[in-house]
Amino acid sequence: MPALYFLPLLDQTGAARPEHLHAAITSWLDPSTADWNHRSVSKPYAISPITEVAGHVGIEISVLTESAERLLREAATSASEIRLGSRFTRVGNLQCLHETSWDELAAANEQTWRLDFLTPTTFRTGNRCTPMPTLPALLRSPSESWRAFAPVPLDPLSHAEVAEIWTSELDLHTEWLELILPNRKRRAEPRSVAGVLGSITYQCDNPEVAAKVGPLFRLVPYCGIGSFRGKGMGVVRLGSAA
């Protein structure tokens, strides 16, 4: 069952490096006993940067499967602190912010969707990253997550059907982040990556096509969009379309 959790970090007062967050949380959610591993393309979780919920500093962690949720709950319950780089911070009680079912996602019947990019979002192909949110690029992450983890089948979209989904409004800009990424020789090095922020609204006038793409848009808040979702990029929420 897709769910979004908040983990308070009691001693954290500022931002944390993306790779430090990634190392801390993947050590919980990528055990050798899991059905996925550290190198899996599709993973049943995503991680936000340091954020604030109801006045508390922490991170949001979304999960897509019962096994990922169990690992998260067990680790958060047993851990008294996590390491972020050279510093440790105590953790508070894990809180479920909201959850849904795959059946509820599959029953989506909207024909307008506004995507709000809360953290920089980028799309990687080979050694290149682009902030350009083309519709095929946007739908890749939820489509892969649905195929990998959903127990409910969803008919794929044809190229002709994708062409029936159109952009009705956008307000976008880019922001640069520095990440530690492997180069062509698999050596870690700093790299500047451009990500998109803002909002974009899509519409579909064909209800049959909308019934296929709607569940994917509804899944986005739980799976994220684009690359480096385990490092806080690609946190996207569904907003209220005008």
Protein backbone atom coordinates (compact mmCIF):
# COMPACT_ATOMS: atom_id res chain seq x y z
CA MET A 1 0.00 0.00 0.00
CA PRO A 2 1.61 3.33 -1.02
CA ALA A 3 2.19 5.57 2.00
CA LEU A 4 4.06 8.74 2.92
CA TYR A 5 5.87 8.95 6.28
CA PHE A 6 7.63 11.70 8.20
CA LEU A 7 10.69 10.94 10.34
CA PRO A 8 11.56 13.74 12.81
CA LEU A 9 15.28 14.48 13.20
CA LEU A 10 15.48 15.94 16.68
CA ASP A 11 18.98 17.45 16.52
CA GLN A 12 18.95 18.62 12.90
CA THR A 13 18.89 22.39 12.40
CA GLY A 14 19.81 22.81 8.74
CA ALA A 15 20.14 21.06 5.41
CA ALA A 16 22.01 17.80 4.93
CA ARG A 17 24.05 16.62 1.97
CA PRO A 18 21.93 14.47 -0.41
CA GLU A 19 24.45 11.63 -0.31
CA HIS A 20 24.37 11.62 3.51
CA LEU A 21 20.58 11.25 3.56
CA HIS A 22 20.81 8.60 0.87
CA ALA A 23 23.38 6.59 2.82
CA ALA A 24 21.40 6.77 6.06
CA ILE A 25 18.01 5.71 4.73
CA THR A 26 19.13 3.19 2.11
CA SER A 27 20.97 1.34 4.88
CA TRP A 28 17.48 0.75 6.32
CA LEU A 29 15.62 0.00 3.10
CA ASP A 30 18.17 -1.85 0.94
CA PRO A 31 18.99 -4.96 3.01
CA SER A 32 20.36 -8.05 1.32
CA THR A 33 17.13 -9.88 2.14
CA ALA A 34 14.89 -7.47 0.19
CA ASP A 35 13.34 -8.27 -3.20
CA TRP A 36 15.26 -5.28 -4.60
CA ASN A 37 18.85 -4.16 -4.08
CA HIS A 38 21.03 -1.05 -4.11
CA ARG A 39 21.41 -1.16 -7.90
CA SER A 40 17.75 -1.80 -8.76
CA VAL A 41 16.32 0.64 -11.30
CA SER A 42 12.91 0.73 -9.60
CA LYS A 43 12.82 0.90 -5.83
CA PRO A 44 9.74 0.88 -3.61
CA TYR A 45 10.70 4.05 -1.76
CA ALA A 46 11.75 7.68 -2.23
CA ILE A 47 13.38 10.19 0.13
CA SER A 48 12.88 13.93 0.55
CA PRO A 49 15.53 16.47 1.59
CA ILE A 50 15.39 17.94 5.09
CA THR A 51 11.93 19.47 5.43
CA GLU A 52 9.54 20.70 8.10
CA VAL A 53 6.15 19.27 9.05
CA ALA A 54 4.01 20.91 11.74
CA GLY A 55 7.03 22.77 13.08
CA HIS A 56 9.25 19.67 13.27
CA VAL A 57 12.41 19.18 11.20
CA GLY A 58 12.86 15.83 9.50
CA ILE A 59 12.56 13.92 6.24
CA GLU A 60 9.67 12.44 4.31
CA ILE A 61 9.98 8.84 3.15
CA SER A 62 7.45 7.28 0.80
CA VAL A 63 7.01 3.53 0.37
CA LEU A 64 5.13 1.50 -2.24
CA THR A 65 5.06 -2.02 -0.82
CA GLU A 66 4.25 -3.75 2.45
CA SER A 67 7.80 -5.10 2.70
CA ALA A 68 9.34 -1.64 2.29
CA GLU A 69 6.89 -0.26 4.85
CA ARG A 70 7.79 -3.04 7.29
CA LEU A 71 11.53 -2.35 6.89
CA LEU A 72 10.97 1.36 7.47
CA ARG A 73 8.84 0.82 10.57
CA GLU A 74 11.25 -1.72 12.06
CA ALA A 75 14.31 0.45 11.45
CA ALA A 76 12.69 3.64 12.72
CA THR A 77 11.48 1.85 15.86
CA SER A 78 14.83 0.27 16.70
CA ALA A 79 17.10 3.20 15.79
CA SER A 80 17.71 5.94 18.32
CA GLU A 81 19.80 8.03 15.92
CA ILE A 82 21.08 8.17 12.36
CA ARG A 83 24.35 9.39 10.94
CA LEU A 84 24.38 12.26 8.44
CA GLY A 85 27.97 12.68 7.33
CA SER A 86 30.15 13.21 10.39
CA ARG A 87 27.24 14.08 12.68
CA PHE A 88 24.56 12.04 14.40
CA THR A 89 20.99 13.12 15.06
CA ARG A 90 18.37 11.53 17.26
CA VAL A 91 15.20 10.39 15.51
CA GLY A 92 11.64 10.88 16.72
CA ASN A 93 8.57 8.74 16.25
CA LEU A 94 7.78 7.81 12.66
CA GLN A 95 4.50 9.41 11.52
CA CYS A 96 2.26 8.33 8.64
CA LEU A 97 1.15 11.47 6.79
CA HIS A 98 -1.20 9.74 4.36
CA GLU A 99 -1.67 6.46 2.54
CA THR A 100 -3.80 4.98 -0.21
CA SER A 101 -4.43 1.65 -1.92
CA TRP A 102 -3.55 0.53 -5.43
CA ASP A 103 -7.26 0.05 -6.11
CA GLU A 104 -7.95 3.66 -5.13
CA LEU A 105 -5.16 4.86 -7.40
CA ALA A 106 -6.43 2.74 -10.29
CA ALA A 107 -9.93 4.22 -9.91
CA ALA A 108 -8.75 7.78 -10.60
CA ASN A 109 -11.15 9.60 -12.94
CA GLU A 110 -9.78 13.16 -13.14
CA GLN A 111 -9.05 14.77 -16.49
CA THR A 112 -6.88 17.64 -15.18
CA TRP A 113 -3.71 17.27 -13.09
CA ARG A 114 -1.34 19.89 -11.67
CA LEU A 115 2.12 18.68 -10.71
CA ASP A 116 3.98 20.78 -8.13
CA PHE A 117 7.75 20.19 -8.16
CA LEU A 118 8.76 20.69 -4.51
CA THR A 119 12.41 19.76 -4.98
CA PRO A 120 14.61 20.04 -8.08
CA THR A 121 13.70 17.32 -10.56
CA THR A 122 16.01 16.08 -13.30
CA PHE A 123 15.91 13.36 -15.94
CA ARG A 124 19.04 11.34 -16.61
CA THR A 125 19.90 9.58 -19.86
CA GLY A 126 23.33 8.00 -19.86
CA ASN A 127 25.73 10.61 -18.51
CA ARG A 128 23.44 13.56 -19.25
CA CYS A 129 20.85 15.21 -17.01
CA THR A 130 18.15 17.58 -18.20
CA PRO A 131 15.53 19.55 -16.26
CA MET A 132 13.12 19.45 -19.23
CA PRO A 133 9.89 17.79 -18.00
CA THR A 134 8.60 16.21 -21.20
CA LEU A 135 5.49 14.10 -20.67
CA PRO A 136 7.21 10.77 -21.55
CA ALA A 137 9.99 11.62 -19.07
CA LEU A 138 7.46 12.55 -16.37
CA LEU A 139 5.51 9.33 -16.80
CA ARG A 140 8.55 7.04 -16.84
CA SER A 141 9.01 6.82 -13.06
CA PRO A 142 5.36 6.14 -12.13
CA SER A 143 5.01 3.71 -15.05
CA GLU A 144 8.08 1.73 -13.96
CA SER A 145 6.94 1.76 -10.32
CA TRP A 146 3.45 0.60 -11.26
CA ARG A 147 4.78 -2.30 -13.35
CA ALA A 148 7.27 -3.31 -10.65
CA PHE A 149 5.13 -3.08 -7.52
CA ALA A 150 1.40 -2.70 -8.20
CA PRO A 151 -0.79 -5.80 -7.81
CA VAL A 152 -3.43 -4.08 -9.97
CA PRO A 153 -2.84 -4.18 -13.76
CA LEU A 154 -2.89 -0.95 -15.74
CA ASP A 155 -3.18 -0.76 -19.52
CA PRO A 156 -0.12 0.94 -21.07
CA LEU A 157 -0.45 4.19 -22.96
CA SER A 158 0.21 4.18 -26.69
CA HIS A 159 2.13 7.02 -28.36
CA ALA A 160 -1.13 8.21 -29.91
CA GLU A 161 -2.79 8.31 -26.48
CA VAL A 162 0.10 10.22 -24.92
CA ALA A 163 -0.36 12.81 -27.67
CA GLU A 164 -3.91 13.43 -26.39
CA ILE A 165 -2.55 14.71 -23.05
CA TRP A 166 -1.68 18.38 -23.34
CA THR A 167 -0.12 21.12 -21.23
CA SER A 168 -2.63 23.80 -20.24
CA GLU A 169 -0.48 25.85 -17.84
CA LEU A 170 3.08 25.99 -16.55
CA ASP A 171 5.23 28.04 -14.20
CA LEU A 172 8.72 26.54 -14.17
CA HIS A 173 12.31 27.50 -13.44
CA THR A 174 15.57 25.64 -12.88
CA GLU A 175 17.85 25.30 -9.88
CA TRP A 176 21.35 23.84 -9.75
CA LEU A 177 22.43 21.27 -7.17
CA GLU A 178 25.83 19.74 -6.53
CA LEU A 179 25.72 15.96 -6.16
CA ILE A 180 28.44 13.37 -5.69
CA LEU A 181 28.02 11.03 -8.66
CA PRO A 182 30.11 8.34 -10.37
CA ASN A 183 31.88 9.42 -13.55
CA ARG A 184 32.48 7.29 -16.64
CA LYS A 185 35.23 5.44 -14.75
CA ARG A 186 32.84 4.76 -11.83
CA ARG A 187 34.74 7.17 -9.60
CA ALA A 188 32.72 9.49 -7.36
CA GLU A 189 33.11 13.18 -8.10
CA PRO A 190 31.13 16.41 -7.56
CA ARG A 191 28.78 17.29 -10.39
CA SER A 192 26.36 20.17 -10.92
CA VAL A 193 22.88 18.99 -11.90
CA ALA A 194 20.03 21.23 -13.08
CA GLY A 195 16.55 20.44 -11.77
CA VAL A 196 13.15 21.89 -12.55
CA LEU A 197 10.95 23.57 -9.92
CA GLY A 198 7.48 25.08 -10.12
CA SER A 199 4.26 23.63 -11.48
CA ILE A 200 2.81 22.24 -14.69
CA THR A 201 -0.82 21.38 -15.47
CA TYR A 202 -1.96 18.67 -17.87
CA GLN A 203 -5.37 18.00 -19.32
CA CYS A 204 -6.92 15.18 -21.31
CA ASP A 205 -10.26 15.53 -23.09
CA ASN A 206 -10.55 11.81 -23.83
CA PRO A 207 -11.97 10.06 -20.72
CA GLU A 208 -10.62 6.65 -21.79
CA VAL A 209 -7.07 7.99 -22.05
CA ALA A 210 -7.53 9.95 -18.80
CA ALA A 211 -8.47 6.69 -17.05
CA LYS A 212 -5.10 5.24 -18.10
CA VAL A 213 -2.88 8.18 -17.19
CA GLY A 214 -4.77 9.33 -14.08
CA PRO A 215 -3.51 6.48 -11.87
CA LEU A 216 0.08 7.29 -12.87
CA PHE A 217 -0.32 10.94 -11.91
CA ARG A 218 -1.95 9.88 -8.64
CA LEU A 219 1.04 7.63 -7.88
CA VAL A 220 3.58 10.45 -8.31
CA PRO A 221 3.44 11.74 -4.67
CA TYR A 222 4.50 8.27 -3.51
CA CYS A 223 7.14 7.32 -6.10
CA GLY A 224 8.55 10.70 -7.13
CA ILE A 225 9.66 11.68 -10.62
CA GLY A 226 12.95 11.56 -12.46
CA SER A 227 16.43 10.61 -11.29
CA PHE A 228 18.13 10.63 -7.87
CA ARG A 229 14.86 10.18 -5.95
CA GLY A 230 16.85 8.47 -3.23
CA LYS A 231 18.80 11.70 -2.75
CA GLY A 232 15.88 14.06 -2.30
CA MET A 233 15.29 15.08 -5.90
CA GLY A 234 11.99 14.62 -7.72
CA VAL A 235 9.61 15.23 -4.79
CA VAL A 236 6.35 16.09 -6.55
CA ARG A 237 2.83 16.58 -5.24
CA LEU A 238 -0.53 16.84 -6.96
CA GLY A 239 -1.93 20.33 -6.55
CA SER A 240 -5.43 21.68 -7.06
CA ALA A 241 -5.91 22.50 -10.72
CA ALA A 242 -7.57 25.85 -11.39
